Protein backbone atom coordinates (compact mmCIF):
# COMPACT_ATOMS: atom_id res chain seq x y z
CA MET A 1 -15.20 -8.39 9.19
CA GLY A 2 -16.37 -11.58 10.58
CA ILE A 3 -14.26 -14.06 11.91
CA LEU A 4 -14.20 -16.60 8.21
CA GLN A 5 -13.83 -13.35 6.62
CA LEU A 6 -10.50 -13.04 8.25
CA LEU A 7 -9.68 -16.44 8.03
CA LEU A 8 -10.31 -16.22 4.62
CA CYS A 9 -7.44 -13.18 4.16
CA PHE A 10 -5.18 -14.86 6.57
CA ALA A 11 -5.07 -17.78 4.53
CA VAL A 12 -4.64 -16.10 1.09
CA ALA A 13 -1.92 -14.05 2.91
CA ALA A 14 0.35 -17.29 4.09
CA GLY A 15 -0.49 -18.61 0.69
CA VAL A 16 0.56 -16.37 -1.28
CA SER A 17 4.04 -16.27 0.72
CA ALA A 18 4.53 -19.15 0.64
CA VAL A 19 4.38 -19.92 -2.37
CA SER A 20 5.75 -16.92 -3.62
CA THR A 21 8.85 -16.92 -1.78
CA PRO A 22 11.28 -19.77 -3.83
CA LEU A 23 10.03 -18.36 -6.75
CA VAL A 24 11.70 -14.40 -4.86
CA SER A 25 15.06 -16.45 -4.06
CA VAL A 26 15.31 -17.16 -7.41
CA PHE A 27 15.00 -13.85 -8.15
CA ALA A 28 17.32 -12.58 -5.55
CA ARG A 29 20.03 -14.97 -6.92
CA ARG A 30 19.59 -13.97 -10.59
CA ILE A 31 19.83 -10.20 -9.77
CA GLY A 32 22.82 -10.99 -7.08
CA ALA A 33 20.43 -9.90 -4.14
CA ILE A 34 22.61 -12.51 -2.04
CA ASP A 35 24.33 -12.80 1.47
CA ARG A 36 28.23 -12.19 1.98
CA PRO A 37 29.48 -13.56 4.60
CA ASN A 38 32.18 -11.79 6.77
CA GLU A 39 33.58 -11.21 10.52
CA ARG A 40 30.62 -9.29 11.80
CA LYS A 41 28.02 -12.01 10.29
CA VAL A 42 26.37 -15.02 12.16
CA SER A 43 25.96 -16.87 9.29
CA ALA A 44 28.54 -18.31 7.61
CA ARG A 45 26.79 -19.64 4.32
CA ALA A 46 27.57 -17.64 1.26
CA ASP A 47 25.15 -17.21 -1.05
CA MET A 48 21.67 -17.72 0.59
CA PRO A 49 19.43 -15.64 -1.27
CA LEU A 50 18.16 -11.85 0.33
CA LEU A 51 14.94 -10.01 -0.81
CA GLY A 52 12.66 -12.39 1.54
CA GLY A 53 10.62 -9.15 2.42
CA MET A 54 9.01 -9.22 -1.17
CA ALA A 55 7.28 -12.77 -0.86
CA VAL A 56 6.05 -11.51 2.64
CA ALA A 57 5.01 -8.39 0.85
CA PHE A 58 3.62 -9.45 -1.59
CA GLY A 59 1.63 -12.04 0.76
CA CYS A 60 0.05 -9.52 2.76
CA SER A 61 -0.81 -6.99 -0.37
CA VAL A 62 -2.96 -10.11 -1.69
CA GLY A 63 -4.76 -10.42 1.26
CA LEU A 64 -5.44 -6.97 1.94
CA ALA A 65 -6.75 -6.69 -1.76
CA VAL A 66 -9.20 -9.70 -0.75
CA ALA A 67 -10.01 -7.96 2.43
CA VAL A 68 -10.58 -4.41 0.16
CA MET A 69 -13.23 -6.55 -1.86
CA ILE A 70 -15.23 -7.66 1.31
CA LEU A 71 -15.38 -4.53 2.91
CA GLY A 72 -17.27 -2.55 -0.34
CA GLU A 73 -17.47 0.67 -0.59
CA GLU A 74 -19.17 1.33 2.64
CA HIS A 75 -15.68 1.10 4.81
CA LEU A 76 -14.32 4.00 3.52
CA LEU A 77 -11.99 4.91 6.33
CA GLN A 78 -10.54 1.38 7.00
CA ARG A 79 -9.47 1.31 2.88
CA SER A 80 -8.33 4.68 3.22
CA ARG A 81 -5.85 3.03 6.16
CA ILE A 82 -5.13 -0.18 4.06
CA GLU A 83 -4.32 2.03 1.08
CA GLY A 84 -1.74 4.29 2.95
CA PHE A 85 -0.24 1.00 4.54
CA ILE A 86 0.26 -0.29 0.69
CA VAL A 87 1.78 2.82 -0.05
CA GLY A 88 4.18 3.78 2.20
CA GLY A 89 5.08 -0.36 2.78
CA VAL A 90 6.22 0.17 -1.42
CA VAL A 91 8.57 2.57 -0.11
CA LEU A 92 10.07 0.54 2.23
CA LEU A 93 10.50 -2.81 -0.09
CA ALA A 94 12.30 -0.20 -2.89
CA VAL A 95 14.81 0.81 -0.22
CA GLY A 96 14.85 -2.29 1.31
CA ALA A 97 15.99 -3.83 -1.84
CA PHE A 98 18.57 -1.60 -3.21
CA ASP A 99 20.43 -2.03 0.15
CA ASP A 100 20.31 -6.08 -0.29
CA ARG A 101 21.65 -5.91 -3.37
CA TRP A 102 23.88 -3.00 -3.70
CA HIS A 103 23.94 -1.46 -0.07
CA LEU A 104 22.84 1.84 1.10
CA SER A 105 24.59 3.52 3.82
CA ALA A 106 22.38 4.72 7.52
CA TRP A 107 21.38 7.91 6.46
CA PRO A 108 19.77 7.60 3.26
CA LYS A 109 17.55 4.71 4.75
CA LEU A 110 16.27 6.98 7.29
CA PHE A 111 15.35 9.40 4.60
CA PHE A 112 13.12 6.77 3.18
CA GLN A 113 11.79 5.97 6.52
CA VAL A 114 10.79 9.22 7.40
CA LEU A 115 9.29 9.42 3.50
CA ALA A 116 7.71 6.13 4.35
CA ALA A 117 6.51 6.98 7.79
CA ALA A 118 5.13 10.75 6.66
CA VAL A 119 3.16 8.93 3.92
CA ALA A 120 1.34 6.72 6.55
CA ILE A 121 0.39 10.15 8.36
CA ARG A 122 -0.84 11.20 5.26
CA TYR A 123 -3.71 8.41 5.19
CA GLY A 124 -4.06 9.06 8.65
CA PHE A 125 -2.03 7.57 10.96
CA VAL A 126 -1.10 9.68 13.62
CA ILE A 127 -0.87 9.80 17.32
CA GLU A 128 -3.30 12.44 18.38
CA TYR A 129 -4.18 11.80 22.20
CA PHE A 130 -2.87 11.20 25.37
CA ARG A 131 -4.29 10.02 28.61
CA ASP A 132 -2.50 10.29 32.18
CA PRO A 133 -1.68 7.02 33.27
CA VAL A 134 -2.02 8.70 37.04
CA THR A 135 -4.72 11.03 37.08
CA GLY A 136 -6.52 9.57 33.80
CA ALA A 137 -6.80 13.53 32.93
CA SER A 138 -6.52 13.44 28.61
CA PHE A 139 -6.02 16.07 25.91
CA ASP A 140 -5.39 16.77 21.94
CA LEU A 141 -2.18 15.79 21.15
CA PRO A 142 -0.75 19.68 18.44
CA TYR A 143 -1.04 17.87 15.53
CA TRP A 144 2.70 18.97 14.33
CA PHE A 145 3.88 17.14 18.25
CA GLY A 146 1.65 14.08 16.93
CA ALA A 147 2.87 13.58 13.15
CA LEU A 148 6.41 13.68 14.69
CA LEU A 149 5.96 12.05 17.70
CA THR A 150 3.92 8.90 14.99
CA VAL A 151 7.35 9.73 12.91
CA PHE A 152 9.83 8.48 15.66
CA TRP A 153 7.53 5.93 16.49
CA ILE A 154 7.53 4.69 12.59
CA VAL A 155 11.43 4.96 12.26
CA ALA A 156 11.80 3.46 15.79
CA CYS A 157 10.17 0.31 15.02
CA SER A 158 11.20 -0.30 11.90
CA ASN A 159 15.47 -0.07 12.56
CA ALA A 160 14.35 -2.23 15.80
CA MET A 161 12.94 -5.22 13.95
CA ASN A 162 15.91 -4.53 11.07
CA LEU A 163 18.67 -4.85 14.69
CA ILE A 164 17.07 -7.51 15.80
CA ASP A 165 17.02 -10.17 12.22
CA GLY A 166 20.50 -11.22 13.48
CA LEU A 167 19.08 -15.05 13.24
CA ASP A 168 17.55 -17.38 10.85
CA GLY A 169 13.83 -16.91 10.99
CA LEU A 170 13.84 -14.55 14.75
CA ALA A 171 12.46 -11.47 13.03
CA THR A 172 9.79 -13.66 11.15
CA GLY A 173 8.98 -15.28 14.02
CA VAL A 174 8.84 -12.12 16.63
CA GLY A 175 7.29 -9.85 13.78
CA ALA A 176 4.22 -12.81 13.87
CA ILE A 177 4.25 -13.17 17.48
CA ILE A 178 3.76 -9.48 18.27
CA ALA A 179 1.27 -9.00 15.06
CA THR A 180 -1.22 -11.06 16.54
CA THR A 181 -1.10 -9.57 19.33
CA LEU A 182 -1.62 -6.44 18.05
CA ALA A 183 -4.56 -7.86 16.31
CA ILE A 184 -6.64 -8.70 19.48
CA ILE A 185 -5.71 -5.34 20.88
CA CYS A 186 -7.20 -3.88 17.74
CA TYR A 187 -10.42 -6.54 18.39
CA GLN A 188 -10.43 -5.55 21.79
CA ALA A 189 -10.58 -1.92 20.68
CA ASP A 190 -13.11 -2.28 18.29
CA GLN A 191 -10.53 -0.98 15.39
CA GLY A 192 -11.41 -2.62 11.98
CA ALA A 193 -8.50 -1.38 10.20
CA GLY A 194 -5.68 -2.81 12.63
CA LEU A 195 -7.54 -5.98 13.11
CA VAL A 196 -7.22 -6.39 8.88
CA LEU A 197 -3.74 -5.43 8.92
CA GLY A 198 -2.75 -7.26 11.75
CA VAL A 199 -4.45 -10.74 10.59
CA THR A 200 -3.10 -10.47 7.03
CA LEU A 201 0.49 -9.73 8.16
CA VAL A 202 0.28 -13.07 10.48
CA GLY A 203 -0.31 -14.88 7.40
CA ALA A 204 1.93 -13.45 5.20
CA LEU A 205 4.73 -14.37 7.92
CA VAL A 206 3.32 -17.52 8.29
CA GLY A 207 3.53 -18.66 5.24
CA PHE A 208 7.11 -17.26 5.22
CA LEU A 209 8.51 -19.17 8.27
CA PRO A 210 9.04 -22.61 6.76
CA PHE A 211 11.43 -21.52 4.74
CA ASN A 212 13.28 -18.70 6.99
CA PHE A 213 13.29 -20.77 10.55
CA PRO A 214 16.82 -22.34 11.32
CA PRO A 215 18.40 -23.75 9.16
CA ALA A 216 16.76 -20.39 6.95
CA ARG A 217 16.91 -21.26 2.97
CA ILE A 218 16.56 -17.02 2.15
CA PHE A 219 16.71 -14.35 4.60
CA LEU A 220 14.49 -11.81 4.71
CA GLY A 221 17.09 -8.89 4.35
CA ASP A 222 16.49 -5.66 4.84
CA THR A 223 13.64 -5.51 2.75
CA GLY A 224 11.52 -7.84 4.74
CA ALA A 225 13.07 -6.58 8.46
CA LEU A 226 11.82 -2.77 7.43
CA PHE A 227 9.02 -3.78 6.16
CA ILE A 228 7.74 -5.75 8.90
CA GLY A 229 8.58 -3.16 11.21
CA TYR A 230 7.23 -0.80 9.36
CA SER A 231 3.68 -2.98 9.19
CA LEU A 232 3.79 -3.30 13.23
CA SER A 233 4.43 0.21 14.06
CA LEU A 234 0.81 1.09 12.09
CA VAL A 235 -0.76 -1.18 13.79
CA ALA A 236 0.34 -0.60 16.76
CA ILE A 237 -0.88 2.76 16.29
CA GLU A 238 -4.64 1.76 15.21
CA GLY A 239 -4.57 -0.12 18.56
CA TYR A 240 -3.38 2.36 20.78
CA LYS A 241 -5.70 5.12 18.86
CA GLY A 242 -8.42 1.97 20.05
CA GLY A 243 -7.02 2.38 23.52
CA TYR A 244 -8.02 5.75 23.85
CA ARG A 245 -11.30 5.65 22.93
CA LYS A 246 -11.74 3.10 25.15
CA ALA A 247 -10.89 4.95 28.28
CA SER A 248 -7.37 2.91 28.89
CA LEU A 249 -4.92 4.38 31.41
CA MET A 250 -2.59 2.43 29.91
CA ALA A 251 -3.14 2.70 26.22
CA PHE A 252 0.06 4.51 25.54
CA LEU A 253 2.08 1.13 27.38
CA VAL A 254 0.26 -1.91 25.52
CA PRO A 255 1.97 -1.27 21.79
CA LEU A 256 5.63 -0.42 23.91
CA LEU A 257 5.21 -3.99 26.03
CA ALA A 258 4.28 -5.83 22.63
CA LEU A 259 6.76 -4.25 20.74
CA ALA A 260 9.31 -4.71 24.03
CA VAL A 261 12.38 -7.20 23.25
CA PRO A 262 12.90 -5.73 19.69
CA LEU A 263 12.73 -2.46 20.89
CA LEU A 264 14.22 -2.86 24.40
CA ASP A 265 17.30 -4.47 21.94
CA THR A 266 17.69 -1.39 19.96
CA SER A 267 17.71 1.50 22.80
CA LEU A 268 20.41 -0.62 24.82
CA SER A 269 22.02 -0.47 21.56
CA VAL A 270 21.97 2.74 21.05
CA VAL A 271 23.00 3.53 24.91
CA ARG A 272 26.26 1.27 24.85
CA ARG A 273 27.43 2.87 22.02
CA LEU A 274 26.68 6.13 23.80
CA ARG A 275 28.45 5.13 26.55
CA ALA A 276 31.26 3.29 24.75
CA ARG A 277 31.71 6.63 22.86
CA GLN A 278 31.24 5.01 19.55
CA PRO A 279 28.87 5.93 16.29
CA ILE A 280 25.53 4.40 16.57
CA PHE A 281 25.22 2.62 13.27
CA ASP A 282 28.25 0.78 14.77
CA ALA A 283 28.10 -3.04 14.87
CA ASP A 284 28.89 -4.93 17.85
CA LYS A 285 27.95 -8.08 18.90
CA MET A 286 26.37 -7.90 22.26
CA HIS A 287 22.38 -7.72 21.12
CA MET A 288 20.33 -9.79 22.78
CA HIS A 289 20.28 -13.05 20.67
CA HIS A 290 24.01 -12.88 20.47
CA ARG A 291 23.86 -13.38 24.18
CA LEU A 292 21.25 -15.98 23.85
CA LEU A 293 23.39 -18.01 20.85
CA GLU A 294 26.50 -18.12 23.69
CA SER A 295 24.10 -19.62 25.85
CA GLU A 296 22.03 -21.42 24.01
CA GLY A 297 24.55 -23.08 21.73
CA SER A 298 22.41 -23.02 18.26
CA ASP A 299 20.54 -20.39 16.59
CA ARG A 300 16.80 -23.46 17.06
CA GLY A 301 17.49 -22.85 20.99
CA ALA A 302 18.45 -19.26 20.86
CA VAL A 303 15.49 -18.74 18.49
CA LEU A 304 13.23 -20.34 20.10
CA SER A 305 14.32 -18.27 23.45
CA LEU A 306 13.76 -15.05 22.23
CA TYR A 307 10.42 -16.43 20.89
CA PHE A 308 9.36 -17.26 24.33
CA LEU A 309 10.47 -14.30 25.79
CA THR A 310 8.15 -11.97 22.82
CA ALA A 311 5.35 -14.45 24.03
CA CYS A 312 5.57 -13.65 27.94
CA PHE A 313 6.05 -9.24 26.58
CA CYS A 314 2.57 -9.81 24.25
CA VAL A 315 0.64 -11.89 27.39
CA ILE A 316 1.33 -9.02 30.04
CA ALA A 317 0.66 -6.29 26.73
CA VAL A 318 -2.85 -7.83 26.15
CA SER A 319 -3.20 -8.22 29.90
CA PHE A 320 -2.83 -4.31 30.28
CA THR A 321 -6.18 -3.81 28.39
CA ARG A 322 -8.02 -5.30 31.37
CA LEU A 323 -5.74 -3.16 34.16
CA GLU A 324 -6.71 -0.34 35.93
CA GLY A 325 -6.04 1.38 38.59
CA ILE A 326 -3.34 0.87 41.29
CA ALA A 327 -2.93 -3.11 40.61
CA ALA A 328 -2.28 -1.88 37.08
CA LEU A 329 0.69 0.59 38.49
CA ILE A 330 1.95 -2.47 40.98
CA PHE A 331 1.60 -4.72 37.61
CA LEU A 332 3.52 -2.47 35.47
CA ILE A 333 6.23 -2.08 38.80
CA ALA A 334 6.69 -5.86 39.05
CA VAL A 335 7.09 -5.92 35.43
CA VAL A 336 10.01 -3.07 34.70
CA ALA A 337 12.20 -4.96 38.18
CA LEU A 338 11.69 -7.99 36.48
CA THR A 339 12.71 -6.88 32.76
CA ALA A 340 15.95 -5.05 34.14
CA ARG A 341 16.82 -8.29 36.00
CA LEU A 342 16.33 -10.17 32.57
CA LEU A 343 18.59 -7.13 30.95
CA ARG A 344 21.36 -7.92 33.58
CA ASN A 345 21.63 -11.88 33.57
CA LEU A 346 21.75 -11.36 29.64
CA GLY A 347 24.56 -8.52 30.18
CA VAL A 348 23.39 -6.84 27.07
CA HIS A 349 23.46 -3.35 28.37
CA SER A 350 27.81 -3.56 29.31
CA PRO A 351 29.40 -1.99 26.57
CA SER A 352 32.15 -3.87 26.39
CA ALA A 353 31.85 -6.97 23.94
CA ALA A 354 31.96 -11.32 24.72
CA PRO A 355 34.36 -13.37 23.50
CA PRO A 356 33.42 -15.36 20.68
CA ARG A 357 32.33 -18.55 21.13
CA SER A 358 34.76 -21.85 20.10
CA GLY A 359 33.53 -24.09 17.10
CA SER A 360 33.23 -23.57 13.48
CA ARG A 361 30.62 -20.49 13.43
CA VAL A 362 31.59 -16.89 12.43
CA PRO A 363 32.23 -14.54 15.55
CA PRO A 364 28.22 -13.28 15.75
CA GLY A 365 27.58 -10.55 14.37
CA ASP A 366 24.55 -8.11 14.07
CA ASP A 367 23.04 -9.82 11.22
CA SER A 368 22.66 -12.76 9.20
CA SER A 369 21.43 -11.53 6.61
CA GLN A 370 23.23 -7.53 5.73
CA GLY A 371 25.31 -7.22 8.93
CA GLU A 372 24.62 -4.21 11.65
CA LYS A 373 21.70 -2.43 10.45
CA THR A 374 20.54 1.03 10.87
């Protein structure tokens, strides 16, 4: 697919997302899918509409429909990947919408996340290979193990974006930056399906962002956060498979680095709660966005800081596609050291909660739309 055709898919996804967002907002209010502030949440604005993810998904789907028409019958593999992306995405949209309206506990949501992952595997989104980054030796993974690894990856990414969705515009902007990076990686790896998925997702997120950037007029809700995480996980799998075929020793690190901010935030949340002997689904006020909100003093400052941090990791991820051997290992060690220092400065690894800031805001919670997510 040429650059002009990709730009067309991007423009269609952005336009449809932007046009449909006000309609989704009206629909969310009518059915009662609205935010209800409490002591755990950052936002104190009552009756903010949720379901913003429906506009993102609609824009992405229409953009992909245009891509399918452009691809034609001769690109059946790419069309199959797009179909699997949409089918699995519908599963998470449905469960996210139900949760935004009536609330769903953690374990049923986990079940549907696994179901969506199984759909993706059925359509070919599966991690099948691994290459040793030290020796360069490569081997095929047993299908059952690759499938389990893929399920874990998709569920982890879905929940990571769900947990980071704690400030206006945060998950939308971070998702757009990561999707752009993964689309570039898929382009470098000659992964046509991943490139199309990434470009249309970026378009849909860009179209939605003006309505969600601080001060937001609509929230993504679980509907959007789960869909974005799921989408990014599949694009990352395509990029990884392409990197393997191009014999990149660091192919497995590239998607991890691109998604470093949400994955680190989620991993540290689990570690904190285990150290404190609390259930891993319990809420706390120690996420990256909470710490930055305290230091920056405003939603916009904290959100822009996390945009910048995400962009830095994404630049590193792209650079790793060109590094090999000892240079890649030295660069990796430096990245790990700097990341550890950053996390120490933020204090997000501590199990103790920071005191709330004074002012008119409700003390920070785990989400601007639904509180702590799973």
